[in-house]
Protein backbone atom coordinates (compact mmCIF):
# COMPACT_ATOMS: atom_id res chain seq x y z
CA MET A 1 -6.57 2.56 -40.94
CA LYS A 2 -9.63 3.11 -38.64
CA ASN A 3 -8.70 -0.23 -37.19
CA MET A 4 -4.95 0.70 -36.81
CA ARG A 5 -6.23 3.81 -34.56
CA PHE A 6 -8.53 1.75 -32.31
CA ILE A 7 -5.97 -0.74 -31.53
CA ILE A 8 -3.39 1.79 -30.97
CA ILE A 9 -6.00 3.40 -28.44
CA ILE A 10 -6.53 0.21 -26.70
CA VAL A 11 -2.97 -0.74 -26.10
CA MET A 12 -2.17 2.79 -25.16
CA ALA A 13 -5.24 2.55 -22.67
CA LEU A 14 -3.94 -0.89 -21.32
CA ALA A 15 -0.39 0.48 -20.96
CA ILE A 16 -1.72 3.20 -18.85
CA SER A 17 -4.02 1.39 -16.81
CA SER A 18 -1.60 -1.39 -16.00
CA CYS A 19 0.79 1.21 -14.37
CA SER A 20 0.24 1.06 -10.74
CA SER A 21 -0.56 3.87 -8.77
CA GLU A 22 0.82 2.59 -5.77
CA PRO A 23 4.33 3.70 -4.66
CA SER A 24 6.83 1.20 -4.40
CA LEU A 25 9.18 0.91 -1.49
CA GLN A 26 12.02 2.21 -3.61
CA GLN A 27 10.33 5.21 -4.62
CA TYR A 28 9.35 5.74 -0.97
CA TYR A 29 13.30 5.41 -0.05
CA ILE A 30 14.06 7.90 -2.83
CA THR A 31 11.20 10.38 -1.94
CA ASN A 32 12.23 10.39 1.79
CA ALA A 33 16.08 10.12 1.81
CA GLU A 34 16.29 14.08 1.75
CA ASN A 35 13.40 14.43 4.64
CA PRO A 36 15.10 16.04 7.44
CA ASN A 37 12.96 13.56 9.83
CA PHE A 38 14.61 10.96 8.57
CA MET A 39 18.25 9.42 8.52
CA SER A 40 19.23 7.62 5.62
CA PHE A 41 22.13 5.58 4.61
CA ASP A 42 23.37 2.65 2.73
CA VAL A 43 25.60 -0.36 3.82
CA PRO A 44 27.67 -2.19 1.33
CA ALA A 45 28.12 -5.66 2.38
CA SER A 46 31.87 -5.38 2.60
CA LEU A 47 31.28 -2.89 5.57
CA LEU A 48 29.60 -5.47 7.86
CA ASN A 49 33.20 -7.18 7.98
CA LEU A 50 31.63 -10.70 7.47
CA GLU A 51 34.83 -11.87 5.87
CA LYS A 52 36.79 -11.95 9.10
CA VAL A 53 33.84 -13.97 10.82
CA ASP A 54 34.39 -17.70 11.06
CA MET A 55 31.84 -19.38 9.08
CA ASP A 56 30.23 -22.45 7.77
CA GLU A 57 29.59 -23.13 4.09
CA THR A 58 25.92 -22.22 4.63
CA GLN A 59 26.85 -18.77 6.35
CA LYS A 60 29.24 -18.24 3.61
CA LYS A 61 26.88 -18.91 0.73
CA ALA A 62 24.24 -16.66 2.63
CA ILE A 63 26.68 -13.82 2.77
CA ALA A 64 27.72 -14.16 -1.00
CA SER A 65 24.06 -13.54 -1.83
CA LEU A 66 24.09 -10.26 0.00
CA LYS A 67 24.69 -6.97 -1.79
CA LYS A 68 23.76 -4.05 0.82
CA LEU A 69 21.32 -2.89 3.11
CA ASN A 70 19.06 0.23 2.70
CA VAL A 71 18.47 1.89 6.35
CA LEU A 72 15.68 4.83 6.78
CA ALA A 73 14.98 5.75 10.23
CA PHE A 74 12.44 8.25 11.52
CA GLN A 75 12.97 9.91 15.06
CA LYS A 76 9.85 11.21 16.51
CA LYS A 77 9.86 14.27 17.92
CA GLU A 78 7.26 16.42 19.51
CA ALA A 79 7.22 18.91 16.37
CA ASN A 80 6.87 15.83 13.78
CA ILE A 81 4.05 13.57 15.11
CA ALA A 82 1.74 14.26 12.67
CA ASP A 83 4.44 13.25 9.70
CA TYR A 84 5.59 10.04 11.93
CA GLU A 85 2.03 8.88 11.83
CA LYS A 86 1.59 9.59 8.10
CA GLN A 87 4.86 8.17 7.20
CA LYS A 88 4.23 4.83 9.49
CA ALA A 89 0.59 4.30 7.65
CA ILE A 90 2.34 4.86 4.06
CA ILE A 91 4.90 2.15 5.18
CA LYS A 92 2.37 -0.20 6.34
CA THR A 93 0.18 0.37 3.02
CA ILE A 94 3.56 -0.49 1.01
CA LEU A 95 4.15 -3.66 2.83
CA LYS A 96 0.82 -4.84 2.80
CA GLY A 97 0.75 -4.82 -1.04
CA PRO A 98 1.07 -8.05 -3.34
CA ASP A 99 4.94 -7.59 -3.66
CA PHE A 100 5.53 -8.66 -0.22
CA SER A 101 4.82 -11.67 2.29
CA GLU A 102 5.03 -11.41 5.73
CA LEU A 103 7.55 -13.91 7.27
CA MET A 104 7.36 -12.73 10.94
CA LYS A 105 6.18 -10.32 13.67
CA MET A 106 8.06 -9.54 16.65
CA ASN A 107 7.73 -7.63 20.01
CA THR A 108 11.21 -6.71 21.10
CA GLU A 109 12.05 -4.21 23.62
CA PHE A 110 12.63 -1.54 21.05
CA GLY A 111 9.14 -1.92 19.82
CA LYS A 112 7.13 -4.21 17.13
CA ALA A 113 8.74 -5.38 14.12
CA THR A 114 7.76 -7.51 11.03
CA ILE A 115 9.90 -9.03 8.42
CA GLN A 116 9.11 -9.19 4.91
CA LEU A 117 10.04 -10.85 2.01
CA LYS A 118 10.18 -9.58 -1.77
CA GLY A 119 10.53 -12.40 -4.51
CA ASP A 120 9.98 -16.15 -4.94
CA ASP A 121 9.83 -18.48 -2.00
CA ASP A 122 13.14 -20.04 -3.34
CA ALA A 123 14.85 -17.09 -4.41
CA ILE A 124 14.37 -13.74 -2.40
CA ASP A 125 15.72 -10.59 -4.11
CA GLU A 126 14.89 -8.37 -0.89
CA ILE A 127 14.19 -9.00 2.74
CA VAL A 128 12.50 -5.81 4.64
CA ILE A 129 12.36 -5.13 8.40
CA TYR A 130 10.09 -2.85 9.60
CA GLY A 131 9.79 -1.40 13.01
CA ASP A 132 8.43 1.34 15.11
CA ASN A 133 8.18 2.56 18.64
CA ASP A 134 5.27 5.39 19.23
CA GLU A 135 8.02 7.06 21.50
CA LYS A 136 11.14 6.94 19.36
CA GLY A 137 10.03 6.64 15.96
CA LEU A 138 10.35 3.73 12.95
CA ILE A 139 12.97 2.33 10.96
CA LEU A 140 13.11 0.35 7.67
CA ILE A 141 15.74 -1.69 6.54
CA ARG A 142 15.97 -3.35 3.06
CA ILE A 143 18.43 -6.14 2.82
CA LEU A 144 19.31 -6.63 -1.01
CA GLY A 145 20.70 -9.45 -2.36
CA ASP A 146 20.53 -12.00 -5.50
CA ASN A 147 18.62 -14.94 -4.95
CA MET A 148 19.02 -15.34 -1.08
CA ASN A 149 17.29 -18.40 0.34
CA PRO A 150 14.75 -18.05 3.26
CA ALA A 151 16.26 -20.75 4.98
CA SER A 152 19.75 -19.15 5.01
CA PHE A 153 18.29 -15.87 6.34
CA VAL A 154 18.69 -17.24 9.92
CA GLN A 155 22.38 -18.13 8.86
CA LEU A 156 22.93 -14.43 7.57
CA ILE A 157 21.76 -12.92 11.16
CA GLN A 158 24.11 -15.34 12.82
CA ALA A 159 27.02 -14.51 10.86
CA MET A 160 25.95 -10.70 11.42
CA GLU A 161 25.79 -11.20 14.97
CA LYS A 162 29.57 -12.69 15.03
CA SER A 163 30.77 -9.46 12.65
CA ASP A 164 32.19 -6.38 14.21
CA LEU A 165 29.91 -3.74 12.59
CA LYS A 166 31.68 -0.50 11.74
CA GLY A 167 30.87 2.30 9.26
CA LYS A 168 29.29 5.71 8.64
CA GLY A 169 25.83 6.03 10.05
CA LEU A 170 25.68 2.74 12.21
CA GLU A 171 26.77 4.45 15.26
CA GLN A 172 23.97 6.92 14.63
CA LEU A 173 21.48 4.15 14.21
CA GLU A 174 22.53 2.30 17.31
CA ASN A 175 22.01 5.59 19.07
CA PHE A 176 18.68 5.99 17.89
CA ILE A 177 17.50 2.54 18.64
CA LYS A 178 18.72 2.79 22.07
CA GLY A 179 17.87 6.34 22.75
């Protein structure tokens, strides 16, 4: 009986210690979706109007693996500078975690950006685009799908460039990025 208690205590201790105290990106999205400093919305793949685009088979296969995009954008203002710096640090910490691998870094006219991958090299479940600009704010886009192929990510971007993007929130996002 003593051995059984000891085993149960060991199992419980291992279970508790194996839980990560670091927040996941999903938890971060949920926590900040109602934060008034953030603009948050989901874009289903159907809203991208990709079915009307002339695509080759590789692009069609890439689009078929796409489910939706989660967008979280923080518009920096004089009144929220401290929160902006805090949120920027939290996101960068999450993206440096073991779940993500960096695909590329970019410097654009809008600011600095990185593209991160989550999943196996041959079957990506999530692509994360993070960008920040110390004058405008930050943006975090999760591209969710099933077994997305890293090589077809370029095909996905090319197909999206050809599409007529419409939908609630996209105009606000465009104004946020430009303004």
